[in-house]
Amino acid sequence: MSRLPRISGKRVLRALEQAGFEQTHVRGSHHYLRKAGRDALVVVPVHGNRDLPLGTLRAILRQAELTSEEFTALL
């Protein structure tokens, strides 16, 4: 597993959109994304330009079923 970068929720949203995810709705600071053909939601917290904690980023990648290598290639 490669080392994950420290990035903001906004950059995570852009990367997931490149991977084919579409934003379904926003509730407060949490953005909900879904990929066509999948029922699972991916939740990304966006708090301005603050970097996400690494545990939160790992949880997002687990929800999106992406490896860290696939994710860093999208950045």
PDB file of N, CA and C in Angstrom:
ATOM      1  N   MET A   1       0.849  -1.169   0.000  1.00  0.00           N
ATOM      2  CA  MET A   1       0.000   0.000   0.000  1.00  0.00           C
ATOM      3  C   MET A   1       0.895   1.231   0.000  1.00  0.00           C
ATOM      4  N   SER A   2       0.628   2.132  -0.935  1.00  0.00           N
ATOM      5  CA  SER A   2       1.447   3.340  -0.992  1.00  0.00           C
ATOM      6  C   SER A   2       0.965   4.352   0.043  1.00  0.00           C
ATOM      7  N   ARG A   3       1.818   5.284   0.321  1.00  0.00           N
ATOM      8  CA  ARG A   3       1.506   6.310   1.312  1.00  0.00           C
ATOM      9  C   ARG A   3       0.449   7.264   0.750  1.00  0.00           C
ATOM     10  N   LEU A   4      -0.561   7.553   1.550  1.00  0.00           N
ATOM     11  CA  LEU A   4      -1.630   8.453   1.118  1.00  0.00           C
ATOM     12  C   LEU A   4      -1.216   9.903   1.333  1.00  0.00           C
ATOM     13  N   PRO A   5      -1.560  10.776   0.391  1.00  0.00           N
ATOM     14  CA  PRO A   5      -1.230  12.192   0.559  1.00  0.00           C
ATOM     15  C   PRO A   5      -2.200  12.871   1.518  1.00  0.00           C
ATOM     16  N   ARG A   6      -1.784  13.965   2.107  1.00  0.00           N
ATOM     17  CA  ARG A   6      -2.662  14.785   2.946  1.00  0.00           C
ATOM     18  C   ARG A   6      -3.377  15.756   2.013  1.00  0.00           C
ATOM     19  N   ILE A   7      -4.668  15.567   1.808  1.00  0.00           N
ATOM     20  CA  ILE A   7      -5.415  16.417   0.889  1.00  0.00           C
ATOM     21  C   ILE A   7      -6.748  16.805   1.510  1.00  0.00           C
ATOM     22  N   SER A   8      -7.347  17.833   0.923  1.00  0.00           N
ATOM     23  CA  SER A   8      -8.620  18.349   1.421  1.00  0.00           C
ATOM     24  C   SER A   8      -9.783  17.537   0.850  1.00  0.00           C
ATOM     25  N   GLY A   9     -10.945  17.723   1.441  1.00  0.00           N
ATOM     26  CA  GLY A   9     -12.149  17.067   0.953  1.00  0.00           C
ATOM     27  C   GLY A   9     -12.513  17.501  -0.455  1.00  0.00           C
ATOM     28  N   LYS A  10     -12.208  18.750  -0.800  1.00  0.00           N
ATOM     29  CA  LYS A  10     -12.498  19.241  -2.149  1.00  0.00           C
ATOM     30  C   LYS A  10     -11.720  18.461  -3.201  1.00  0.00           C
ATOM     31  N   ARG A  11     -10.441  18.185  -2.911  1.00  0.00           N
ATOM     32  CA  ARG A  11      -9.622  17.425  -3.862  1.00  0.00           C
ATOM     33  C   ARG A  11     -10.084  15.975  -3.945  1.00  0.00           C
ATOM     34  N   VAL A  12     -10.555  15.429  -2.837  1.00  0.00           N
ATOM     35  CA  VAL A  12     -11.091  14.068  -2.852  1.00  0.00           C
ATOM     36  C   VAL A  12     -12.330  14.018  -3.738  1.00  0.00           C
ATOM     37  N   LEU A  13     -13.204  15.023  -3.632  1.00  0.00           N
ATOM     38  CA  LEU A  13     -14.396  15.078  -4.481  1.00  0.00           C
ATOM     39  C   LEU A  13     -14.023  15.079  -5.952  1.00  0.00           C
ATOM     40  N   ARG A  14     -13.051  15.921  -6.333  1.00  0.00           N
ATOM     41  CA  ARG A  14     -12.629  15.994  -7.742  1.00  0.00           C
ATOM     42  C   ARG A  14     -12.086  14.652  -8.223  1.00  0.00           C
ATOM     43  N   ALA A  15     -11.288  13.996  -7.391  1.00  0.00           N
ATOM     44  CA  ALA A  15     -10.706  12.706  -7.778  1.00  0.00           C
ATOM     45  C   ALA A  15     -11.792  11.642  -7.946  1.00  0.00           C
ATOM     46  N   LEU A  16     -12.755  11.611  -7.038  1.00  0.00           N
ATOM     47  CA  LEU A  16     -13.821  10.619  -7.138  1.00  0.00           C
ATOM     48  C   LEU A  16     -14.714  10.882  -8.343  1.00  0.00           C
ATOM     49  N   GLU A  17     -14.928  12.141  -8.681  1.00  0.00           N
ATOM     50  CA  GLU A  17     -15.711  12.457  -9.873  1.00  0.00           C
ATOM     51  C   GLU A  17     -14.988  11.982 -11.126  1.00  0.00           C
ATOM     52  N   GLN A  18     -13.658  12.069 -11.137  1.00  0.00           N
ATOM     53  CA  GLN A  18     -12.888  11.542 -12.267  1.00  0.00           C
ATOM     54  C   GLN A  18     -13.007  10.024 -12.351  1.00  0.00           C
ATOM     55  N   ALA A  19     -13.212   9.375 -11.219  1.00  0.00           N
ATOM     56  CA  ALA A  19     -13.352   7.917 -11.180  1.00  0.00           C
ATOM     57  C   ALA A  19     -14.761   7.467 -11.562  1.00  0.00           C
ATOM     58  N   GLY A  20     -15.656   8.402 -11.865  1.00  0.00           N
ATOM     59  CA  GLY A  20     -16.999   8.054 -12.304  1.00  0.00           C
ATOM     60  C   GLY A  20     -18.089   8.210 -11.266  1.00  0.00           C
ATOM     61  N   PHE A  21     -17.767   8.767 -10.118  1.00  0.00           N
ATOM     62  CA  PHE A  21     -18.772   8.994  -9.081  1.00  0.00           C
ATOM     63  C   PHE A  21     -19.513  10.295  -9.369  1.00  0.00           C
ATOM     64  N   GLU A  22     -20.802  10.314  -9.037  1.00  0.00           N
ATOM     65  CA  GLU A  22     -21.620  11.516  -9.196  1.00  0.00           C
ATOM     66  C   GLU A  22     -22.186  11.910  -7.843  1.00  0.00           C
ATOM     67  N   GLN A  23     -22.204  13.211  -7.599  1.00  0.00           N
ATOM     68  CA  GLN A  23     -22.733  13.722  -6.337  1.00  0.00           C
ATOM     69  C   GLN A  23     -24.247  13.616  -6.357  1.00  0.00           C
ATOM     70  N   THR A  24     -24.818  12.973  -5.334  1.00  0.00           N
ATOM     71  CA  THR A  24     -26.267  12.830  -5.274  1.00  0.00           C
ATOM     72  C   THR A  24     -26.901  13.954  -4.473  1.00  0.00           C
ATOM     73  N   HIS A  25     -26.300  14.295  -3.337  1.00  0.00           N
ATOM     74  CA  HIS A  25     -26.817  15.401  -2.540  1.00  0.00           C
ATOM     75  C   HIS A  25     -25.777  15.834  -1.520  1.00  0.00           C
ATOM     76  N   VAL A  26     -26.089  16.966  -0.877  1.00  0.00           N
ATOM     77  CA  VAL A  26     -25.210  17.519   0.158  1.00  0.00           C
ATOM     78  C   VAL A  26     -26.060  17.750   1.391  1.00  0.00           C
ATOM     79  N   ARG A  27     -25.534  17.353   2.530  1.00  0.00           N
ATOM     80  CA  ARG A  27     -26.238  17.603   3.788  1.00  0.00           C
ATOM     81  C   ARG A  27     -25.239  18.240   4.740  1.00  0.00           C
ATOM     82  N   GLY A  28     -25.350  19.536   4.911  1.00  0.00           N
ATOM     83  CA  GLY A  28     -24.377  20.267   5.719  1.00  0.00           C
ATOM     84  C   GLY A  28     -23.047  20.298   5.003  1.00  0.00           C
ATOM     85  N   SER A  29     -22.009  19.786   5.647  1.00  0.00           N
ATOM     86  CA  SER A  29     -20.685  19.771   5.032  1.00  0.00           C
ATOM     87  C   SER A  29     -20.343  18.394   4.459  1.00  0.00           C
ATOM     88  N   HIS A  30     -21.299  17.474   4.441  1.00  0.00           N
ATOM     89  CA  HIS A  30     -21.053  16.126   3.943  1.00  0.00           C
ATOM     90  C   HIS A  30     -21.648  15.966   2.545  1.00  0.00           C
ATOM     91  N   HIS A  31     -20.795  15.580   1.599  1.00  0.00           N
ATOM     92  CA  HIS A  31     -21.199  15.374   0.214  1.00  0.00           C
ATOM     93  C   HIS A  31     -21.355  13.872  -0.015  1.00  0.00           C
ATOM     94  N   TYR A  32     -22.467  13.485  -0.633  1.00  0.00           N
ATOM     95  CA  TYR A  32     -22.776  12.080  -0.870  1.00  0.00           C
ATOM     96  C   TYR A  32     -22.619  11.793  -2.355  1.00  0.00           C
ATOM     97  N   LEU A  33     -21.824  10.764  -2.670  1.00  0.00           N
ATOM     98  CA  LEU A  33     -21.566  10.401  -4.051  1.00  0.00           C
ATOM     99  C   LEU A  33     -21.955   8.949  -4.288  1.00  0.00           C
ATOM    100  N   ARG A  34     -22.323   8.661  -5.531  1.00  0.00           N
ATOM    101  CA  ARG A  34     -22.696   7.303  -5.920  1.00  0.00           C
ATOM    102  C   ARG A  34     -22.146   7.048  -7.313  1.00  0.00           C
ATOM    103  N   LYS A  35     -21.731   5.820  -7.552  1.00  0.00           N
ATOM    104  CA  LYS A  35     -21.244   5.420  -8.869  1.00  0.00           C
ATOM    105  C   LYS A  35     -22.340   4.622  -9.553  1.00  0.00           C
ATOM    106  N   ALA A  36     -22.518   4.836 -10.850  1.00  0.00           N
ATOM    107  CA  ALA A  36     -23.560   4.139 -11.595  1.00  0.00           C
ATOM    108  C   ALA A  36     -23.371   2.628 -11.469  1.00  0.00           C
ATOM    109  N   GLY A  37     -24.460   1.932 -11.222  1.00  0.00           N
ATOM    110  CA  GLY A  37     -24.407   0.486 -11.099  1.00  0.00           C
ATOM    111  C   GLY A  37     -24.092  -0.016  -9.703  1.00  0.00           C
ATOM    112  N   ARG A  38     -23.891   0.883  -8.758  1.00  0.00           N
ATOM    113  CA  ARG A  38     -23.584   0.495  -7.377  1.00  0.00           C
ATOM    114  C   ARG A  38     -24.577   1.149  -6.440  1.00  0.00           C
ATOM    115  N   ASP A  39     -24.940   0.444  -5.395  1.00  0.00           N
ATOM    116  CA  ASP A  39     -25.897   0.976  -4.428  1.00  0.00           C
ATOM    117  C   ASP A  39     -25.232   1.742  -3.296  1.00  0.00           C
ATOM    118  N   ALA A  40     -23.956   1.475  -3.043  1.00  0.00           N
ATOM    119  CA  ALA A  40     -23.274   2.066  -1.893  1.00  0.00           C
ATOM    120  C   ALA A  40     -23.022   3.559  -2.087  1.00  0.00           C
ATOM    121  N   LEU A  41     -23.189   4.305  -1.014  1.00  0.00           N
ATOM    122  CA  LEU A  41     -22.880   5.731  -1.014  1.00  0.00           C
ATOM    123  C   LEU A  41     -21.478   5.950  -0.467  1.00  0.00           C
ATOM    124  N   VAL A  42     -20.821   6.974  -0.991  1.00  0.00           N
ATOM    125  CA  VAL A  42     -19.528   7.403  -0.470  1.00  0.00           C
ATOM    126  C   VAL A  42     -19.749   8.787   0.119  1.00  0.00           C
ATOM    127  N   VAL A  43     -19.389   8.980   1.377  1.00  0.00           N
ATOM    128  CA  VAL A  43     -19.602  10.246   2.068  1.00  0.00           C
ATOM    129  C   VAL A  43     -18.257  10.937   2.252  1.00  0.00           C
ATOM    130  N   VAL A  44     -18.174  12.200   1.769  1.00  0.00           N
ATOM    131  CA  VAL A  44     -16.936  12.972   1.872  1.00  0.00           C
ATOM    132  C   VAL A  44     -17.226  14.247   2.660  1.00  0.00           C
ATOM    133  N   PRO A  45     -16.598  14.438   3.823  1.00  0.00           N
ATOM    134  CA  PRO A  45     -16.757  15.694   4.557  1.00  0.00           C
ATOM    135  C   PRO A  45     -15.878  16.774   3.937  1.00  0.00           C
ATOM    136  N   VAL A  46     -16.452  17.947   3.722  1.00  0.00           N
ATOM    137  CA  VAL A  46     -15.703  19.066   3.146  1.00  0.00           C
ATOM    138  C   VAL A  46     -15.781  20.225   4.128  1.00  0.00           C
ATOM    139  N   HIS A  47     -14.653  20.549   4.725  1.00  0.00           N
ATOM    140  CA  HIS A  47     -14.568  21.644   5.687  1.00  0.00           C
ATOM    141  C   HIS A  47     -13.558  22.655   5.170  1.00  0.00           C
ATOM    142  N   GLY A  48     -13.974  23.427   4.171  1.00  0.00           N
ATOM    143  CA  GLY A  48     -13.069  24.411   3.586  1.00  0.00           C
ATOM    144  C   GLY A  48     -11.879  23.732   2.944  1.00  0.00           C
ATOM    145  N   ASN A  49     -10.700  24.270   3.182  1.00  0.00           N
ATOM    146  CA  ASN A  49      -9.478  23.697   2.623  1.00  0.00           C
ATOM    147  C   ASN A  49      -8.710  22.864   3.638  1.00  0.00           C
ATOM    148  N   ARG A  50      -9.352  22.474   4.736  1.00  0.00           N
ATOM    149  CA  ARG A  50      -8.672  21.661   5.749  1.00  0.00           C
ATOM    150  C   ARG A  50      -8.433  20.253   5.224  1.00  0.00           C
ATOM    151  N   ASP A  51      -7.253  19.723   5.510  1.00  0.00           N
ATOM    152  CA  ASP A  51      -6.922  18.364   5.095  1.00  0.00           C
ATOM    153  C   ASP A  51      -7.729  17.354   5.899  1.00  0.00           C
ATOM    154  N   LEU A  52      -8.091  16.265   5.235  1.00  0.00           N
ATOM    155  CA  LEU A  52      -8.808  15.187   5.910  1.00  0.00           C
ATOM    156  C   LEU A  52      -7.837  14.365   6.749  1.00  0.00           C
ATOM    157  N   PRO A  53      -8.272  13.890   7.896  1.00  0.00           N
ATOM    158  CA  PRO A  53      -7.436  12.946   8.648  1.00  0.00           C
ATOM    159  C   PRO A  53      -7.220  11.679   7.811  1.00  0.00           C
ATOM    160  N   LEU A  54      -6.071  11.038   7.969  1.00  0.00           N
ATOM    161  CA  LEU A  54      -5.752   9.864   7.154  1.00  0.00           C
ATOM    162  C   LEU A  54      -6.733   8.717   7.372  1.00  0.00           C
ATOM    163  N   GLY A  55      -7.238   8.553   8.583  1.00  0.00           N
ATOM    164  CA  GLY A  55      -8.224   7.507   8.845  1.00  0.00           C
ATOM    165  C   GLY A  55      -9.519   7.752   8.086  1.00  0.00           C
ATOM    166  N   THR A  56      -9.924   9.011   7.986  1.00  0.00           N
ATOM    167  CA  THR A  56     -11.123   9.371   7.233  1.00  0.00           C
ATOM    168  C   THR A  56     -10.907   9.107   5.752  1.00  0.00           C
ATOM    169  N   LEU A  57      -9.735   9.470   5.240  1.00  0.00           N
ATOM    170  CA  LEU A  57      -9.423   9.234   3.830  1.00  0.00           C
ATOM    171  C   LEU A  57      -9.424   7.734   3.525  1.00  0.00           C
ATOM    172  N   ARG A  58      -8.858   6.926   4.414  1.00  0.00           N
ATOM    173  CA  ARG A  58      -8.869   5.471   4.218  1.00  0.00           C
ATOM    174  C   ARG A  58     -10.304   4.928   4.205  1.00  0.00           C
ATOM    175  N   ALA A  59     -11.164   5.463   5.079  1.00  0.00           N
ATOM    176  CA  ALA A  59     -12.561   5.026   5.125  1.00  0.00           C
ATOM    177  C   ALA A  59     -13.282   5.391   3.828  1.00  0.00           C
ATOM    178  N   ILE A  60     -12.990   6.569   3.276  1.00  0.00           N
ATOM    179  CA  ILE A  60     -13.595   6.991   2.012  1.00  0.00           C
ATOM    180  C   ILE A  60     -13.159   6.048   0.891  1.00  0.00           C
ATOM    181  N   LEU A  61     -11.876   5.712   0.846  1.00  0.00           N
ATOM    182  CA  LEU A  61     -11.377   4.801  -0.190  1.00  0.00           C
ATOM    183  C   LEU A  61     -11.994   3.413  -0.044  1.00  0.00           C
ATOM    184  N   ARG A  62     -12.203   2.966   1.191  1.00  0.00           N
ATOM    185  CA  ARG A  62     -12.849   1.677   1.421  1.00  0.00           C
ATOM    186  C   ARG A  62     -14.289   1.712   0.912  1.00  0.00           C
ATOM    187  N   GLN A  63     -15.012   2.812   1.180  1.00  0.00           N
ATOM    188  CA  GLN A  63     -16.386   2.948   0.695  1.00  0.00           C
ATOM    189  C   GLN A  63     -16.425   2.968  -0.828  1.00  0.00           C
ATOM    190  N   ALA A  64     -15.423   3.623  -1.442  1.00  0.00           N
ATOM    191  CA  ALA A  64     -15.372   3.755  -2.899  1.00  0.00           C
ATOM    192  C   ALA A  64     -14.779   2.525  -3.575  1.00  0.00           C
ATOM    193  N   GLU A  65     -14.274   1.579  -2.779  1.00  0.00           N
ATOM    194  CA  GLU A  65     -13.629   0.371  -3.291  1.00  0.00           C
ATOM    195  C   GLU A  65     -12.463   0.710  -4.220  1.00  0.00           C
ATOM    196  N   LEU A  66     -11.626   1.661  -3.778  1.00  0.00           N
ATOM    197  CA  LEU A  66     -10.427   2.063  -4.509  1.00  0.00           C
ATOM    198  C   LEU A  66      -9.200   1.743  -3.669  1.00  0.00           C
ATOM    199  N   THR A  67      -8.121   1.360  -4.338  1.00  0.00           N
ATOM    200  CA  THR A  67      -6.853   1.187  -3.629  1.00  0.00           C
ATOM    201  C   THR A  67      -6.165   2.541  -3.538  1.00  0.00           C
ATOM    202  N   SER A  68      -5.182   2.639  -2.686  1.00  0.00           N
ATOM    203  CA  SER A  68      -4.463   3.906  -2.559  1.00  0.00           C
ATOM    204  C   SER A  68      -3.722   4.238  -3.847  1.00  0.00           C
ATOM    205  N   GLU A  69      -3.230   3.220  -4.578  1.00  0.00           N
ATOM    206  CA  GLU A  69      -2.546   3.460  -5.846  1.00  0.00           C
ATOM    207  C   GLU A  69      -3.510   4.010  -6.893  1.00  0.00           C
ATOM    208  N   GLU A  70      -4.713   3.430  -6.969  1.00  0.00           N
ATOM    209  CA  GLU A  70      -5.715   3.920  -7.917  1.00  0.00           C
ATOM    210  C   GLU A  70      -6.100   5.359  -7.586  1.00  0.00           C
ATOM    211  N   PHE A  71      -6.239   5.635  -6.295  1.00  0.00           N
ATOM    212  CA  PHE A  71      -6.640   6.979  -5.881  1.00  0.00           C
ATOM    213  C   PHE A  71      -5.570   8.014  -6.203  1.00  0.00           C
ATOM    214  N   THR A  72      -4.308   7.721  -5.893  1.00  0.00           N
ATOM    215  CA  THR A  72      -3.244   8.696  -6.161  1.00  0.00           C
ATOM    216  C   THR A  72      -3.067   8.917  -7.656  1.00  0.00           C
ATOM    217  N   ALA A  73      -3.398   7.929  -8.484  1.00  0.00           N
ATOM    218  CA  ALA A  73      -3.331   8.119  -9.938  1.00  0.00           C
ATOM    219  C   ALA A  73      -4.387   9.114 -10.412  1.00  0.00           C
ATOM    220  N   LEU A  74      -5.486   9.255  -9.663  1.00  0.00           N
ATOM    221  CA  LEU A  74      -6.560  10.185 -10.039  1.00  0.00           C
ATOM    222  C   LEU A  74      -6.248  11.630  -9.668  1.00  0.00           C
ATOM    223  N   LEU A  75      -5.296  11.839  -8.779  1.00  0.00           N
ATOM    224  CA  LEU A  75      -4.985  13.198  -8.309  1.00  0.00           C
ATOM    225  C   LEU A  75      -4.214  13.994  -9.339  1.00  0.00           C
TER     226      LEU A  75
END
